[in-house]
PDB file of N, CA and C in Angstrom:
ATOM      1  N   MET A   1      13.500 -18.548  -6.053  1.00  0.00           N
ATOM      2  CA  MET A   1      12.724 -17.323  -6.155  1.00  0.00           C
ATOM      3  C   MET A   1      13.666 -16.145  -5.905  1.00  0.00           C
ATOM      4  N   ARG A   2      13.493 -15.116  -6.667  1.00  0.00           N
ATOM      5  CA  ARG A   2      14.372 -13.953  -6.580  1.00  0.00           C
ATOM      6  C   ARG A   2      14.129 -13.178  -5.290  1.00  0.00           C
ATOM      7  N   GLU A   3      15.231 -12.710  -4.712  1.00  0.00           N
ATOM      8  CA  GLU A   3      15.131 -11.926  -3.482  1.00  0.00           C
ATOM      9  C   GLU A   3      14.466 -10.591  -3.798  1.00  0.00           C
ATOM     10  N   GLY A   4      13.502 -10.203  -3.000  1.00  0.00           N
ATOM     11  CA  GLY A   4      12.790  -8.951  -3.200  1.00  0.00           C
ATOM     12  C   GLY A   4      11.456  -9.115  -3.897  1.00  0.00           C
ATOM     13  N   LEU A   5      11.208 -10.287  -4.456  1.00  0.00           N
ATOM     14  CA  LEU A   5       9.953 -10.498  -5.179  1.00  0.00           C
ATOM     15  C   LEU A   5       8.763 -10.588  -4.226  1.00  0.00           C
ATOM     16  N   ILE A   6       8.942 -11.257  -3.104  1.00  0.00           N
ATOM     17  CA  ILE A   6       7.847 -11.396  -2.137  1.00  0.00           C
ATOM     18  C   ILE A   6       7.441 -10.042  -1.544  1.00  0.00           C
ATOM     19  N   PRO A   7       8.386  -9.191  -1.085  1.00  0.00           N
ATOM     20  CA  PRO A   7       7.958  -7.877  -0.576  1.00  0.00           C
ATOM     21  C   PRO A   7       7.280  -7.025  -1.645  1.00  0.00           C
ATOM     22  N   THR A   8       7.731  -7.149  -2.885  1.00  0.00           N
ATOM     23  CA  THR A   8       7.123  -6.367  -3.957  1.00  0.00           C
ATOM     24  C   THR A   8       5.685  -6.806  -4.206  1.00  0.00           C
ATOM     25  N   ILE A   9       5.457  -8.106  -4.245  1.00  0.00           N
ATOM     26  CA  ILE A   9       4.099  -8.614  -4.462  1.00  0.00           C
ATOM     27  C   ILE A   9       3.213  -8.294  -3.257  1.00  0.00           C
ATOM     28  N   LEU A  10       3.746  -8.480  -2.065  1.00  0.00           N
ATOM     29  CA  LEU A  10       2.996  -8.152  -0.852  1.00  0.00           C
ATOM     30  C   LEU A  10       2.639  -6.667  -0.828  1.00  0.00           C
ATOM     31  N   GLY A  11       3.592  -5.821  -1.162  1.00  0.00           N
ATOM     32  CA  GLY A  11       3.344  -4.381  -1.182  1.00  0.00           C
ATOM     33  C   GLY A  11       2.296  -3.986  -2.201  1.00  0.00           C
ATOM     34  N   THR A  12       2.291  -4.662  -3.337  1.00  0.00           N
ATOM     35  CA  THR A  12       1.275  -4.380  -4.358  1.00  0.00           C
ATOM     36  C   THR A  12      -0.122  -4.721  -3.841  1.00  0.00           C
ATOM     37  N   GLY A  13      -0.239  -5.853  -3.177  1.00  0.00           N
ATOM     38  CA  GLY A  13      -1.539  -6.251  -2.615  1.00  0.00           C
ATOM     39  C   GLY A  13      -1.997  -5.316  -1.512  1.00  0.00           C
ATOM     40  N   VAL A  14      -1.076  -4.921  -0.647  1.00  0.00           N
ATOM     41  CA  VAL A  14      -1.432  -4.020   0.450  1.00  0.00           C
ATOM     42  C   VAL A  14      -1.818  -2.645  -0.092  1.00  0.00           C
ATOM     43  N   THR A  15      -1.093  -2.169  -1.098  1.00  0.00           N
ATOM     44  CA  THR A  15      -1.427  -0.883  -1.711  1.00  0.00           C
ATOM     45  C   THR A  15      -2.803  -0.931  -2.365  1.00  0.00           C
ATOM     46  N   ALA A  16      -3.098  -2.010  -3.060  1.00  0.00           N
ATOM     47  CA  ALA A  16      -4.413  -2.155  -3.693  1.00  0.00           C
ATOM     48  C   ALA A  16      -5.521  -2.183  -2.641  1.00  0.00           C
ATOM     49  N   THR A  17      -5.272  -2.846  -1.522  1.00  0.00           N
ATOM     50  CA  THR A  17      -6.257  -2.869  -0.434  1.00  0.00           C
ATOM     51  C   THR A  17      -6.479  -1.467   0.119  1.00  0.00           C
ATOM     52  N   GLY A  18      -5.391  -0.729   0.322  1.00  0.00           N
ATOM     53  CA  GLY A  18      -5.506   0.638   0.831  1.00  0.00           C
ATOM     54  C   GLY A  18      -6.266   1.538  -0.118  1.00  0.00           C
ATOM     55  N   ILE A  19      -6.022   1.385  -1.414  1.00  0.00           N
ATOM     56  CA  ILE A  19      -6.735   2.199  -2.402  1.00  0.00           C
ATOM     57  C   ILE A  19      -8.220   1.847  -2.401  1.00  0.00           C
ATOM     58  N   ALA A  20      -8.537   0.555  -2.269  1.00  0.00           N
ATOM     59  CA  ALA A  20      -9.947   0.147  -2.212  1.00  0.00           C
ATOM     60  C   ALA A  20     -10.630   0.721  -0.967  1.00  0.00           C
ATOM     61  N   LEU A  21      -9.942   0.682   0.171  1.00  0.00           N
ATOM     62  CA  LEU A  21     -10.516   1.254   1.393  1.00  0.00           C
ATOM     63  C   LEU A  21     -10.704   2.763   1.264  1.00  0.00           C
ATOM     64  N   LYS A  22      -9.735   3.418   0.643  1.00  0.00           N
ATOM     65  CA  LYS A  22      -9.844   4.863   0.438  1.00  0.00           C
ATOM     66  C   LYS A  22     -11.043   5.188  -0.451  1.00  0.00           C
ATOM     67  N   GLY A  23     -11.231   4.391  -1.504  1.00  0.00           N
ATOM     68  CA  GLY A  23     -12.375   4.599  -2.390  1.00  0.00           C
ATOM     69  C   GLY A  23     -13.699   4.380  -1.677  1.00  0.00           C
ATOM     70  N   MET A  24     -13.753   3.346  -0.827  1.00  0.00           N
ATOM     71  CA  MET A  24     -14.989   3.096  -0.074  1.00  0.00           C
ATOM     72  C   MET A  24     -15.262   4.227   0.909  1.00  0.00           C
ATOM     73  N   ALA A  25     -14.209   4.747   1.532  1.00  0.00           N
ATOM     74  CA  ALA A  25     -14.389   5.829   2.496  1.00  0.00           C
ATOM     75  C   ALA A  25     -14.827   7.117   1.804  1.00  0.00           C
ATOM     76  N   MET A  26     -14.334   7.349   0.590  1.00  0.00           N
ATOM     77  CA  MET A  26     -14.684   8.577  -0.115  1.00  0.00           C
ATOM     78  C   MET A  26     -16.102   8.524  -0.677  1.00  0.00           C
ATOM     79  N   LYS A  27     -16.625   7.312  -0.931  1.00  0.00           N
ATOM     80  CA  LYS A  27     -17.987   7.190  -1.437  1.00  0.00           C
ATOM     81  C   LYS A  27     -19.027   7.538  -0.380  1.00  0.00           C
ATOM     82  N   ARG A  28     -18.650   7.326   0.881  1.00  0.00           N
ATOM     83  CA  ARG A  28     -19.602   7.623   1.956  1.00  0.00           C
ATOM     84  C   ARG A  28     -19.834   9.123   2.022  1.00  0.00           C
ATOM     85  N   SER A  29     -21.073   9.522   2.016  1.00  0.00           N
ATOM     86  CA  SER A  29     -21.384  10.952   2.034  1.00  0.00           C
ATOM     87  C   SER A  29     -21.498  11.495   3.459  1.00  0.00           C
ATOM     88  N   ASP A  30     -21.508  10.631   4.450  1.00  0.00           N
ATOM     89  CA  ASP A  30     -21.684  11.087   5.826  1.00  0.00           C
ATOM     90  C   ASP A  30     -20.360  11.142   6.592  1.00  0.00           C
ATOM     91  N   LEU A  31     -19.280  11.494   5.896  1.00  0.00           N
ATOM     92  CA  LEU A  31     -17.991  11.593   6.564  1.00  0.00           C
ATOM     93  C   LEU A  31     -17.998  12.750   7.557  1.00  0.00           C
ATOM     94  N   LYS A  32     -17.432  12.491   8.711  1.00  0.00           N
ATOM     95  CA  LYS A  32     -17.325  13.515   9.743  1.00  0.00           C
ATOM     96  C   LYS A  32     -15.859  13.866   9.910  1.00  0.00           C
ATOM     97  N   ASN A  33     -15.573  14.947  10.593  1.00  0.00           N
ATOM     98  CA  ASN A  33     -14.192  15.380  10.778  1.00  0.00           C
ATOM     99  C   ASN A  33     -13.373  14.374  11.585  1.00  0.00           C
ATOM    100  N   ASN A  34     -14.015  13.611  12.460  1.00  0.00           N
ATOM    101  CA  ASN A  34     -13.284  12.671  13.302  1.00  0.00           C
ATOM    102  C   ASN A  34     -13.291  11.251  12.743  1.00  0.00           C
ATOM    103  N   ASP A  35     -13.659  11.085  11.479  1.00  0.00           N
ATOM    104  CA  ASP A  35     -13.671   9.758  10.865  1.00  0.00           C
ATOM    105  C   ASP A  35     -12.236   9.323  10.574  1.00  0.00           C
ATOM    106  N   MET A  36     -11.865   8.160  11.069  1.00  0.00           N
ATOM    107  CA  MET A  36     -10.489   7.674  10.973  1.00  0.00           C
ATOM    108  C   MET A  36     -10.213   6.878   9.692  1.00  0.00           C
ATOM    109  N   MET A  37     -11.252   6.459   8.988  1.00  0.00           N
ATOM    110  CA  MET A  37     -11.058   5.564   7.853  1.00  0.00           C
ATOM    111  C   MET A  37     -10.154   6.149   6.760  1.00  0.00           C
ATOM    112  N   PRO A  38     -10.297   7.405   6.335  1.00  0.00           N
ATOM    113  CA  PRO A  38      -9.370   7.921   5.309  1.00  0.00           C
ATOM    114  C   PRO A  38      -7.917   7.948   5.785  1.00  0.00           C
ATOM    115  N   MET A  39      -7.693   8.222   7.062  1.00  0.00           N
ATOM    116  CA  MET A  39      -6.323   8.244   7.572  1.00  0.00           C
ATOM    117  C   MET A  39      -5.739   6.838   7.639  1.00  0.00           C
ATOM    118  N   VAL A  40      -6.546   5.877   8.028  1.00  0.00           N
ATOM    119  CA  VAL A  40      -6.084   4.486   8.071  1.00  0.00           C
ATOM    120  C   VAL A  40      -5.771   4.006   6.656  1.00  0.00           C
ATOM    121  N   ALA A  41      -6.632   4.341   5.708  1.00  0.00           N
ATOM    122  CA  ALA A  41      -6.402   3.938   4.316  1.00  0.00           C
ATOM    123  C   ALA A  41      -5.117   4.563   3.786  1.00  0.00           C
ATOM    124  N   ALA A  42      -4.861   5.816   4.112  1.00  0.00           N
ATOM    125  CA  ALA A  42      -3.626   6.468   3.668  1.00  0.00           C
ATOM    126  C   ALA A  42      -2.401   5.794   4.288  1.00  0.00           C
ATOM    127  N   GLY A  43      -2.498   5.389   5.532  1.00  0.00           N
ATOM    128  CA  GLY A  43      -1.395   4.674   6.174  1.00  0.00           C
ATOM    129  C   GLY A  43      -1.137   3.332   5.530  1.00  0.00           C
ATOM    130  N   ILE A  44      -2.196   2.616   5.185  1.00  0.00           N
ATOM    131  CA  ILE A  44      -2.055   1.315   4.524  1.00  0.00           C
ATOM    132  C   ILE A  44      -1.421   1.486   3.145  1.00  0.00           C
ATOM    133  N   ILE A  45      -1.828   2.527   2.428  1.00  0.00           N
ATOM    134  CA  ILE A  45      -1.241   2.797   1.111  1.00  0.00           C
ATOM    135  C   ILE A  45       0.256   3.080   1.254  1.00  0.00           C
ATOM    136  N   GLY A  46       0.625   3.896   2.223  1.00  0.00           N
ATOM    137  CA  GLY A  46       2.035   4.206   2.440  1.00  0.00           C
ATOM    138  C   GLY A  46       2.842   2.982   2.819  1.00  0.00           C
ATOM    139  N   PHE A  47       2.280   2.144   3.666  1.00  0.00           N
ATOM    140  CA  PHE A  47       2.946   0.909   4.075  1.00  0.00           C
ATOM    141  C   PHE A  47       3.176   0.002   2.868  1.00  0.00           C
ATOM    142  N   GLY A  48       2.175  -0.109   2.023  1.00  0.00           N
ATOM    143  CA  GLY A  48       2.302  -0.942   0.817  1.00  0.00           C
ATOM    144  C   GLY A  48       3.324  -0.389  -0.156  1.00  0.00           C
ATOM    145  N   LEU A  49       3.313   0.932  -0.351  1.00  0.00           N
ATOM    146  CA  LEU A  49       4.277   1.541  -1.264  1.00  0.00           C
ATOM    147  C   LEU A  49       5.706   1.397  -0.752  1.00  0.00           C
ATOM    148  N   ALA A  50       5.876   1.439   0.566  1.00  0.00           N
ATOM    149  CA  ALA A  50       7.208   1.232   1.133  1.00  0.00           C
ATOM    150  C   ALA A  50       7.699  -0.186   0.832  1.00  0.00           C
ATOM    151  N   HIS A  51       6.822  -1.167   0.927  1.00  0.00           N
ATOM    152  CA  HIS A  51       7.206  -2.546   0.609  1.00  0.00           C
ATOM    153  C   HIS A  51       7.558  -2.690  -0.876  1.00  0.00           C
ATOM    154  N   VAL A  52       6.776  -2.042  -1.731  1.00  0.00           N
ATOM    155  CA  VAL A  52       7.066  -2.103  -3.165  1.00  0.00           C
ATOM    156  C   VAL A  52       8.443  -1.493  -3.433  1.00  0.00           C
ATOM    157  N   LEU A  53       8.721  -0.354  -2.843  1.00  0.00           N
ATOM    158  CA  LEU A  53      10.003   0.318  -3.054  1.00  0.00           C
ATOM    159  C   LEU A  53      11.170  -0.532  -2.555  1.00  0.00           C
ATOM    160  N   LEU A  54      11.061  -1.062  -1.338  1.00  0.00           N
ATOM    161  CA  LEU A  54      12.157  -1.861  -0.785  1.00  0.00           C
ATOM    162  C   LEU A  54      12.349  -3.169  -1.558  1.00  0.00           C
ATOM    163  N   GLY A  55      11.257  -3.784  -1.968  1.00  0.00           N
ATOM    164  CA  GLY A  55      11.368  -4.998  -2.772  1.00  0.00           C
ATOM    165  C   GLY A  55      11.993  -4.731  -4.126  1.00  0.00           C
ATOM    166  N   THR A  56      11.655  -3.600  -4.721  1.00  0.00           N
ATOM    167  CA  THR A  56      12.231  -3.226  -6.011  1.00  0.00           C
ATOM    168  C   THR A  56      13.724  -2.957  -5.875  1.00  0.00           C
ATOM    169  N   ILE A  57      14.116  -2.308  -4.787  1.00  0.00           N
ATOM    170  CA  ILE A  57      15.541  -2.077  -4.546  1.00  0.00           C
ATOM    171  C   ILE A  57      16.292  -3.405  -4.444  1.00  0.00           C
ATOM    172  N   ASP A  58      15.709  -4.368  -3.733  1.00  0.00           N
ATOM    173  CA  ASP A  58      16.337  -5.691  -3.634  1.00  0.00           C
ATOM    174  C   ASP A  58      16.452  -6.365  -4.998  1.00  0.00           C
ATOM    175  N   LEU A  59      15.411  -6.245  -5.819  1.00  0.00           N
ATOM    176  CA  LEU A  59      15.447  -6.857  -7.151  1.00  0.00           C
ATOM    177  C   LEU A  59      16.524  -6.220  -8.022  1.00  0.00           C
ATOM    178  N   VAL A  60      16.654  -4.916  -7.948  1.00  0.00           N
ATOM    179  CA  VAL A  60      17.649  -4.214  -8.780  1.00  0.00           C
ATOM    180  C   VAL A  60      19.064  -4.564  -8.313  1.00  0.00           C
ATOM    181  N   GLU A  61      19.273  -4.590  -7.003  1.00  0.00           N
ATOM    182  CA  GLU A  61      20.602  -4.904  -6.482  1.00  0.00           C
ATOM    183  C   GLU A  61      21.008  -6.336  -6.788  1.00  0.00           C
ATOM    184  N   GLU A  62      20.042  -7.230  -6.864  1.00  0.00           N
ATOM    185  CA  GLU A  62      20.360  -8.624  -7.170  1.00  0.00           C
ATOM    186  C   GLU A  62      20.851  -8.778  -8.599  1.00  0.00           C
ATOM    187  N   ASN A  63      20.381  -7.929  -9.496  1.00  0.00           N
ATOM    188  CA  ASN A  63      20.780  -8.014 -10.904  1.00  0.00           C
ATOM    189  C   ASN A  63      22.193  -7.497 -11.149  1.00  0.00           C
ATOM    190  N   ARG A  64      22.747  -6.772 -10.212  1.00  0.00           N
ATOM    191  CA  ARG A  64      24.092  -6.207 -10.401  1.00  0.00           C
ATOM    192  C   ARG A  64      25.146  -7.233 -10.189  1.00  0.00           C
TER     193      ARG A  64
END
């Protein structure tokens, strides 16, 4: 298995989960200023995108 493929796939799944949570949080009409769900979803999205980026870097470097 190619190095970097697992972090890339993991990051894609985590990013998709974060986007789904963000969508669920935005559908709720009773959001309050102290609701943590949109911030948690944004953190999960960032964490997933970081994994995708680092995994992609590993994949590109392996091809050199």
